[in-house]
């Protein structure tokens, strides 16, 4: 079972919703706290991300080098998916490889694809974690995540949007206009996330803010990944 150290209730519920086992992946809480503080503080300094990609007109068109798994995913859900042409090193955007720790499709055809790398560095842990999602036929931000609070020994659970705190938009070289969110839940906890809509469906791309990456580097990575997305249609 995929396990999380923070936002446990919503993350566990999400994996249960997808209803399948995945390889175990944990991240130490102390580094998660550092990551979320970085997101909150640096997002405040960063402000809106209104802008357009500076990729030149002469830049070669991106291609999906690991097409097989993405084509099978598109065929399975009977809807287009986005294949990344670039991932931050050492990750490779291939479905089914050693870093692809979640490969899940729900009954409503929504999917979650996750890649994670971790390495011990003395007393610290370094991590690169990227997630792509798609919600065919749905454009609203899902409200399947929970805000859990305890007051005087009584626990309260409230459904909340899974992606919160919008910080402006970014238009990629491929024409995607995405909104950046800095407070996210479930598998995207402690991530910066970009969300966009196409053809009546919602898509997201997120990356975890954690050593060795700063907030600004994660945002730069996400913009580069957005510039390189390739639409894969079902056969």
C-alpha atoms as a PDB file:
ATOM      1  CA  UNK A   1       0.000   0.000   0.000  1.00  0.00           C
ATOM      2  CA  UNK A   2       1.277   3.462  -0.907  1.00  0.00           C
ATOM      3  CA  UNK A   3       1.890   5.295   2.354  1.00  0.00           C
ATOM      4  CA  UNK A   4       2.137   8.969   3.310  1.00  0.00           C
ATOM      5  CA  UNK A   5       3.434  10.765   6.379  1.00  0.00           C
ATOM      6  CA  UNK A   6       1.288  13.873   6.103  1.00  0.00           C
ATOM      7  CA  UNK A   7      -2.355  14.537   5.191  1.00  0.00           C
ATOM      8  CA  UNK A   8      -2.739  10.846   6.000  1.00  0.00           C
ATOM      9  CA  UNK A   9      -6.509  10.606   5.961  1.00  0.00           C
ATOM     10  CA  UNK A  10      -7.027  12.110   2.525  1.00  0.00           C
ATOM     11  CA  UNK A  11      -4.030  10.304   1.031  1.00  0.00           C
ATOM     12  CA  UNK A  12      -5.084   6.915   2.374  1.00  0.00           C
ATOM     13  CA  UNK A  13      -8.642   7.482   1.237  1.00  0.00           C
ATOM     14  CA  UNK A  14      -7.411   8.388  -2.228  1.00  0.00           C
ATOM     15  CA  UNK A  15      -5.383   5.201  -2.603  1.00  0.00           C
ATOM     16  CA  UNK A  16      -8.352   3.214  -1.315  1.00  0.00           C
ATOM     17  CA  UNK A  17     -10.510   4.983  -3.915  1.00  0.00           C
ATOM     18  CA  UNK A  18      -8.226   3.812  -6.694  1.00  0.00           C
ATOM     19  CA  UNK A  19      -8.529   0.330  -5.158  1.00  0.00           C
ATOM     20  CA  UNK A  20      -5.187  -1.223  -5.993  1.00  0.00           C
ATOM     21  CA  UNK A  21      -1.874  -1.979  -4.335  1.00  0.00           C
ATOM     22  CA  UNK A  22       1.210  -0.006  -5.235  1.00  0.00           C
ATOM     23  CA  UNK A  23       4.818  -0.121  -4.192  1.00  0.00           C
ATOM     24  CA  UNK A  24       5.500   1.402  -0.776  1.00  0.00           C
ATOM     25  CA  UNK A  25       6.906   4.907  -0.743  1.00  0.00           C
ATOM     26  CA  UNK A  26       7.439   7.001   2.374  1.00  0.00           C
ATOM     27  CA  UNK A  27       9.021  10.336   3.080  1.00  0.00           C
ATOM     28  CA  UNK A  28      10.204  11.490   6.550  1.00  0.00           C
ATOM     29  CA  UNK A  29       7.918  14.036   8.188  1.00  0.00           C
ATOM     30  CA  UNK A  30      10.711  16.422   9.163  1.00  0.00           C
ATOM     31  CA  UNK A  31      11.593  17.014   5.521  1.00  0.00           C
ATOM     32  CA  UNK A  32       7.949  17.326   4.523  1.00  0.00           C
ATOM     33  CA  UNK A  33       7.571  20.142   7.065  1.00  0.00           C
ATOM     34  CA  UNK A  34      10.560  21.917   5.553  1.00  0.00           C
ATOM     35  CA  UNK A  35       9.002  21.454   2.121  1.00  0.00           C
ATOM     36  CA  UNK A  36       5.595  22.871   3.021  1.00  0.00           C
ATOM     37  CA  UNK A  37       7.112  25.860   4.837  1.00  0.00           C
ATOM     38  CA  UNK A  38       9.156  26.545   1.732  1.00  0.00           C
ATOM     39  CA  UNK A  39       6.032  26.426  -0.424  1.00  0.00           C
ATOM     40  CA  UNK A  40       4.073  28.762   1.849  1.00  0.00           C
ATOM     41  CA  UNK A  41       6.831  31.318   2.409  1.00  0.00           C
ATOM     42  CA  UNK A  42       8.246  31.360  -1.084  1.00  0.00           C
ATOM     43  CA  UNK A  43       4.823  31.350  -2.711  1.00  0.00           C
ATOM     44  CA  UNK A  44       4.031  34.518  -0.785  1.00  0.00           C
ATOM     45  CA  UNK A  45       7.205  36.094  -2.117  1.00  0.00           C
ATOM     46  CA  UNK A  46       6.685  34.708  -5.623  1.00  0.00           C
ATOM     47  CA  UNK A  47       3.154  36.111  -5.969  1.00  0.00           C
ATOM     48  CA  UNK A  48       1.267  35.480  -9.187  1.00  0.00           C
ATOM     49  CA  UNK A  49       2.925  33.514 -11.950  1.00  0.00           C
ATOM     50  CA  UNK A  50       1.142  35.237 -14.792  1.00  0.00           C
ATOM     51  CA  UNK A  51       3.248  34.676 -17.869  1.00  0.00           C
ATOM     52  CA  UNK A  52       3.888  32.946 -21.140  1.00  0.00           C
ATOM     53  CA  UNK A  53       6.590  30.459 -22.024  1.00  0.00           C
ATOM     54  CA  UNK A  54       9.682  31.976 -23.587  1.00  0.00           C
ATOM     55  CA  UNK A  55      10.373  28.860 -25.670  1.00  0.00           C
ATOM     56  CA  UNK A  56      11.343  30.123 -29.092  1.00  0.00           C
ATOM     57  CA  UNK A  57       9.357  29.483 -32.242  1.00  0.00           C
ATOM     58  CA  UNK A  58      12.330  27.599 -33.649  1.00  0.00           C
ATOM     59  CA  UNK A  59      12.385  25.093 -30.780  1.00  0.00           C
ATOM     60  CA  UNK A  60      11.934  21.506 -31.963  1.00  0.00           C
ATOM     61  CA  UNK A  61       8.503  20.039 -31.242  1.00  0.00           C
ATOM     62  CA  UNK A  62       8.535  17.763 -28.167  1.00  0.00           C
ATOM     63  CA  UNK A  63       7.997  14.048 -28.652  1.00  0.00           C
ATOM     64  CA  UNK A  64       6.797  11.254 -26.411  1.00  0.00           C
ATOM     65  CA  UNK A  65       9.830   8.968 -26.257  1.00  0.00           C
ATOM     66  CA  UNK A  66       8.052   6.422 -24.007  1.00  0.00           C
ATOM     67  CA  UNK A  67       4.823   6.305 -26.010  1.00  0.00           C
ATOM     68  CA  UNK A  68       3.805   2.674 -25.326  1.00  0.00           C
ATOM     69  CA  UNK A  69       2.544   3.051 -21.762  1.00  0.00           C
ATOM     70  CA  UNK A  70       0.864   6.389 -22.445  1.00  0.00           C
ATOM     71  CA  UNK A  71      -0.905   5.007 -25.505  1.00  0.00           C
ATOM     72  CA  UNK A  72      -2.175   2.056 -23.460  1.00  0.00           C
ATOM     73  CA  UNK A  73      -3.407   4.457 -20.779  1.00  0.00           C
ATOM     74  CA  UNK A  74      -5.251   6.608 -23.329  1.00  0.00           C
ATOM     75  CA  UNK A  75      -6.820   3.500 -24.875  1.00  0.00           C
ATOM     76  CA  UNK A  76      -7.848   2.177 -21.458  1.00  0.00           C
ATOM     77  CA  UNK A  77      -9.632   5.348 -20.339  1.00  0.00           C
ATOM     78  CA  UNK A  78     -10.852   6.191 -23.869  1.00  0.00           C
ATOM     79  CA  UNK A  79      -9.623   9.770 -23.517  1.00  0.00           C
ATOM     80  CA  UNK A  80      -6.519  11.812 -24.373  1.00  0.00           C
ATOM     81  CA  UNK A  81      -3.596  11.874 -21.909  1.00  0.00           C
ATOM     82  CA  UNK A  82      -0.491  14.028 -21.699  1.00  0.00           C
ATOM     83  CA  UNK A  83       2.907  12.376 -22.086  1.00  0.00           C
ATOM     84  CA  UNK A  84       5.888  14.353 -20.702  1.00  0.00           C
ATOM     85  CA  UNK A  85       8.883  14.641 -23.002  1.00  0.00           C
ATOM     86  CA  UNK A  86      11.105  15.668 -20.074  1.00  0.00           C
ATOM     87  CA  UNK A  87      11.359  14.858 -16.354  1.00  0.00           C
ATOM     88  CA  UNK A  88      13.819  16.132 -13.740  1.00  0.00           C
ATOM     89  CA  UNK A  89      16.803  13.814 -13.418  1.00  0.00           C
ATOM     90  CA  UNK A  90      16.912  10.928 -12.572  1.00  0.00           C
ATOM     91  CA  UNK A  91      13.208  10.310 -13.303  1.00  0.00           C
ATOM     92  CA  UNK A  92      12.105   9.033 -16.708  1.00  0.00           C
ATOM     93  CA  UNK A  93       8.451   9.544 -17.785  1.00  0.00           C
ATOM     94  CA  UNK A  94       7.851   5.895 -18.645  1.00  0.00           C
ATOM     95  CA  UNK A  95       4.837   4.094 -17.214  1.00  0.00           C
ATOM     96  CA  UNK A  96       5.950   0.886 -15.517  1.00  0.00           C
ATOM     97  CA  UNK A  97       9.590   1.755 -14.882  1.00  0.00           C
ATOM     98  CA  UNK A  98      11.371   1.542 -11.510  1.00  0.00           C
ATOM     99  CA  UNK A  99      10.364   5.064 -10.442  1.00  0.00           C
ATOM    100  CA  UNK A 100       6.673   4.762 -11.427  1.00  0.00           C
ATOM    101  CA  UNK A 101       5.414   3.980  -7.915  1.00  0.00           C
ATOM    102  CA  UNK A 102       1.714   4.619  -8.667  1.00  0.00           C
ATOM    103  CA  UNK A 103      -0.011   3.571 -11.889  1.00  0.00           C
ATOM    104  CA  UNK A 104      -3.721   3.727 -11.098  1.00  0.00           C
ATOM    105  CA  UNK A 105      -7.036   4.180 -12.917  1.00  0.00           C
ATOM    106  CA  UNK A 106     -10.333   4.633 -11.079  1.00  0.00           C
ATOM    107  CA  UNK A 107     -13.777   3.398 -12.105  1.00  0.00           C
ATOM    108  CA  UNK A 108     -14.658   6.885 -13.350  1.00  0.00           C
ATOM    109  CA  UNK A 109     -11.610   6.680 -15.698  1.00  0.00           C
ATOM    110  CA  UNK A 110      -9.625   9.270 -13.727  1.00  0.00           C
ATOM    111  CA  UNK A 111      -5.963   8.314 -13.448  1.00  0.00           C
ATOM    112  CA  UNK A 112      -2.943   9.005 -11.265  1.00  0.00           C
ATOM    113  CA  UNK A 113       0.616   8.435 -12.468  1.00  0.00           C
ATOM    114  CA  UNK A 114       3.420   9.039  -9.967  1.00  0.00           C
ATOM    115  CA  UNK A 115       7.215   8.840 -10.163  1.00  0.00           C
ATOM    116  CA  UNK A 116       9.429   9.104  -7.089  1.00  0.00           C
ATOM    117  CA  UNK A 117      13.148   8.969  -6.316  1.00  0.00           C
ATOM    118  CA  UNK A 118      14.749   9.129  -2.878  1.00  0.00           C
ATOM    119  CA  UNK A 119      18.339   9.048  -1.693  1.00  0.00           C
ATOM    120  CA  UNK A 120      19.863   9.309   1.761  1.00  0.00           C
ATOM    121  CA  UNK A 121      22.370  12.153   2.154  1.00  0.00           C
ATOM    122  CA  UNK A 122      23.884  11.793   5.609  1.00  0.00           C
ATOM    123  CA  UNK A 123      21.101  12.523   8.079  1.00  0.00           C
ATOM    124  CA  UNK A 124      18.966  14.029   5.326  1.00  0.00           C
ATOM    125  CA  UNK A 125      16.845  12.558   2.561  1.00  0.00           C
ATOM    126  CA  UNK A 126      16.645  13.956  -0.945  1.00  0.00           C
ATOM    127  CA  UNK A 127      13.581  13.421  -3.090  1.00  0.00           C
ATOM    128  CA  UNK A 128      12.235  14.048  -6.578  1.00  0.00           C
ATOM    129  CA  UNK A 129       8.505  13.314  -6.895  1.00  0.00           C
ATOM    130  CA  UNK A 130       6.295  14.117  -9.905  1.00  0.00           C
ATOM    131  CA  UNK A 131       2.585  13.353 -10.357  1.00  0.00           C
ATOM    132  CA  UNK A 132       0.312  13.590 -13.403  1.00  0.00           C
ATOM    133  CA  UNK A 133      -3.463  13.234 -13.183  1.00  0.00           C
ATOM    134  CA  UNK A 134      -6.405  13.267 -15.568  1.00  0.00           C
ATOM    135  CA  UNK A 135     -10.145  13.450 -14.949  1.00  0.00           C
ATOM    136  CA  UNK A 136     -11.945  12.552 -18.214  1.00  0.00           C
ATOM    137  CA  UNK A 137     -15.322  14.250 -18.530  1.00  0.00           C
ATOM    138  CA  UNK A 138     -14.775  16.305 -15.364  1.00  0.00           C
ATOM    139  CA  UNK A 139     -13.633  19.922 -15.171  1.00  0.00           C
ATOM    140  CA  UNK A 140     -14.315  20.741 -11.513  1.00  0.00           C
ATOM    141  CA  UNK A 141     -11.533  20.418  -8.946  1.00  0.00           C
ATOM    142  CA  UNK A 142     -12.318  17.220  -6.982  1.00  0.00           C
ATOM    143  CA  UNK A 143     -13.601  17.629  -3.424  1.00  0.00           C
ATOM    144  CA  UNK A 144     -12.637  14.143  -2.249  1.00  0.00           C
ATOM    145  CA  UNK A 145      -9.939  15.334   0.169  1.00  0.00           C
ATOM    146  CA  UNK A 146     -10.532  15.811   3.887  1.00  0.00           C
ATOM    147  CA  UNK A 147      -9.639  18.498   6.389  1.00  0.00           C
ATOM    148  CA  UNK A 148      -9.329  16.690   9.729  1.00  0.00           C
ATOM    149  CA  UNK A 149      -9.331  18.646  12.999  1.00  0.00           C
ATOM    150  CA  UNK A 150      -9.657  17.561  16.626  1.00  0.00           C
ATOM    151  CA  UNK A 151     -11.277  19.846  19.203  1.00  0.00           C
ATOM    152  CA  UNK A 152     -11.582  18.790  22.847  1.00  0.00           C
ATOM    153  CA  UNK A 153     -10.965  15.192  21.891  1.00  0.00           C
ATOM    154  CA  UNK A 154     -13.598  15.163  19.134  1.00  0.00           C
ATOM    155  CA  UNK A 155     -12.508  14.680  15.522  1.00  0.00           C
ATOM    156  CA  UNK A 156     -14.177  16.624  12.726  1.00  0.00           C
ATOM    157  CA  UNK A 157     -13.838  15.771   9.038  1.00  0.00           C
ATOM    158  CA  UNK A 158     -14.735  18.161   6.260  1.00  0.00           C
ATOM    159  CA  UNK A 159     -14.583  17.608   2.508  1.00  0.00           C
ATOM    160  CA  UNK A 160     -12.364  20.199   0.828  1.00  0.00           C
ATOM    161  CA  UNK A 161     -11.035  20.879  -2.687  1.00  0.00           C
ATOM    162  CA  UNK A 162      -7.917  18.793  -3.342  1.00  0.00           C
ATOM    163  CA  UNK A 163      -6.129  21.757  -4.968  1.00  0.00           C
ATOM    164  CA  UNK A 164      -6.188  25.161  -3.238  1.00  0.00           C
ATOM    165  CA  UNK A 165      -4.545  28.597  -3.082  1.00  0.00           C
ATOM    166  CA  UNK A 166      -4.344  29.563  -6.799  1.00  0.00           C
ATOM    167  CA  UNK A 167      -1.332  31.757  -7.598  1.00  0.00           C
ATOM    168  CA  UNK A 168      -1.887  32.863 -11.173  1.00  0.00           C
ATOM    169  CA  UNK A 169      -1.572  31.274 -14.605  1.00  0.00           C
ATOM    170  CA  UNK A 170       1.095  30.165 -17.038  1.00  0.00           C
ATOM    171  CA  UNK A 171       0.739  29.633 -20.793  1.00  0.00           C
ATOM    172  CA  UNK A 172       3.035  26.915 -22.103  1.00  0.00           C
ATOM    173  CA  UNK A 173       4.742  26.711 -25.473  1.00  0.00           C
ATOM    174  CA  UNK A 174       2.205  24.040 -26.448  1.00  0.00           C
ATOM    175  CA  UNK A 175      -0.738  26.360 -25.729  1.00  0.00           C
ATOM    176  CA  UNK A 176      -1.750  25.039 -22.291  1.00  0.00           C
ATOM    177  CA  UNK A 177      -2.989  27.746 -19.924  1.00  0.00           C
ATOM    178  CA  UNK A 178      -2.510  26.301 -16.437  1.00  0.00           C
ATOM    179  CA  UNK A 179      -3.279  27.665 -12.969  1.00  0.00           C
ATOM    180  CA  UNK A 180      -0.693  27.165 -10.217  1.00  0.00           C
ATOM    181  CA  UNK A 181      -1.888  25.908  -6.804  1.00  0.00           C
ATOM    182  CA  UNK A 182       0.365  25.884  -3.735  1.00  0.00           C
ATOM    183  CA  UNK A 183      -1.841  24.163  -1.127  1.00  0.00           C
ATOM    184  CA  UNK A 184      -2.678  20.639  -2.243  1.00  0.00           C
ATOM    185  CA  UNK A 185      -3.800  17.429  -0.591  1.00  0.00           C
ATOM    186  CA  UNK A 186      -3.772  13.652  -0.951  1.00  0.00           C
ATOM    187  CA  UNK A 187      -0.899  12.352  -3.048  1.00  0.00           C
ATOM    188  CA  UNK A 188      -0.107  15.967  -4.041  1.00  0.00           C
ATOM    189  CA  UNK A 189       0.511  17.128  -0.463  1.00  0.00           C
ATOM    190  CA  UNK A 190       3.505  19.492  -0.187  1.00  0.00           C
ATOM    191  CA  UNK A 191       3.577  19.825  -3.996  1.00  0.00           C
ATOM    192  CA  UNK A 192       3.292  22.810  -6.299  1.00  0.00           C
ATOM    193  CA  UNK A 193       0.588  21.872  -8.818  1.00  0.00           C
ATOM    194  CA  UNK A 194      -0.488  23.200 -12.213  1.00  0.00           C
ATOM    195  CA  UNK A 195      -4.039  22.422 -13.412  1.00  0.00           C
ATOM    196  CA  UNK A 196      -5.653  23.029 -16.786  1.00  0.00           C
ATOM    197  CA  UNK A 197      -8.708  21.993 -18.786  1.00  0.00           C
ATOM    198  CA  UNK A 198      -9.013  20.583 -22.271  1.00  0.00           C
ATOM    199  CA  UNK A 199     -11.969  19.076 -24.110  1.00  0.00           C
ATOM    200  CA  UNK A 200     -14.191  18.914 -21.037  1.00  0.00           C
ATOM    201  CA  UNK A 201     -11.520  17.246 -18.858  1.00  0.00           C
ATOM    202  CA  UNK A 202      -9.240  18.391 -16.040  1.00  0.00           C
ATOM    203  CA  UNK A 203      -5.513  17.596 -16.028  1.00  0.00           C
ATOM    204  CA  UNK A 204      -2.839  18.271 -13.402  1.00  0.00           C
ATOM    205  CA  UNK A 205       0.935  18.150 -13.063  1.00  0.00           C
ATOM    206  CA  UNK A 206       2.707  18.541  -9.723  1.00  0.00           C
ATOM    207  CA  UNK A 207       6.130  18.244  -8.107  1.00  0.00           C
ATOM    208  CA  UNK A 208       7.146  17.992  -4.453  1.00  0.00           C
ATOM    209  CA  UNK A 209       9.078  20.871  -2.878  1.00  0.00           C
ATOM    210  CA  UNK A 210      11.817  19.058  -0.968  1.00  0.00           C
ATOM    211  CA  UNK A 211      15.629  18.905  -0.893  1.00  0.00           C
ATOM    212  CA  UNK A 212      17.527  19.136  -3.176  1.00  0.00           C
ATOM    213  CA  UNK A 213      14.988  21.399  -4.943  1.00  0.00           C
ATOM    214  CA  UNK A 214      13.901  24.893  -3.924  1.00  0.00           C
ATOM    215  CA  UNK A 215      10.431  26.279  -4.566  1.00  0.00           C
ATOM    216  CA  UNK A 216      11.659  28.353  -7.515  1.00  0.00           C
ATOM    217  CA  UNK A 217      13.427  25.332  -9.042  1.00  0.00           C
ATOM    218  CA  UNK A 218      10.270  23.217  -8.738  1.00  0.00           C
ATOM    219  CA  UNK A 219       8.244  25.939 -10.482  1.00  0.00           C
ATOM    220  CA  UNK A 220      10.873  26.120 -13.238  1.00  0.00           C
ATOM    221  CA  UNK A 221      10.763  22.328 -13.613  1.00  0.00           C
ATOM    222  CA  UNK A 222       6.972  22.343 -13.862  1.00  0.00           C
ATOM    223  CA  UNK A 223       7.036  25.046 -16.530  1.00  0.00           C
ATOM    224  CA  UNK A 224       9.590  23.057 -18.514  1.00  0.00           C
ATOM    225  CA  UNK A 225       7.469  19.913 -18.192  1.00  0.00           C
ATOM    226  CA  UNK A 226       4.373  21.839 -19.306  1.00  0.00           C
ATOM    227  CA  UNK A 227       6.259  23.144 -22.349  1.00  0.00           C
ATOM    228  CA  UNK A 228       7.159  19.571 -23.280  1.00  0.00           C
ATOM    229  CA  UNK A 229       3.817  17.805 -22.842  1.00  0.00           C
ATOM    230  CA  UNK A 230       2.620  15.746 -25.805  1.00  0.00           C
ATOM    231  CA  UNK A 231      -1.074  14.952 -26.232  1.00  0.00           C
ATOM    232  CA  UNK A 232      -1.686  11.235 -26.821  1.00  0.00           C
ATOM    233  CA  UNK A 233      -5.137  10.376 -28.154  1.00  0.00           C
ATOM    234  CA  UNK A 234      -6.804   6.964 -27.841  1.00  0.00           C
ATOM    235  CA  UNK A 235      -6.422   4.781 -30.899  1.00  0.00           C
END
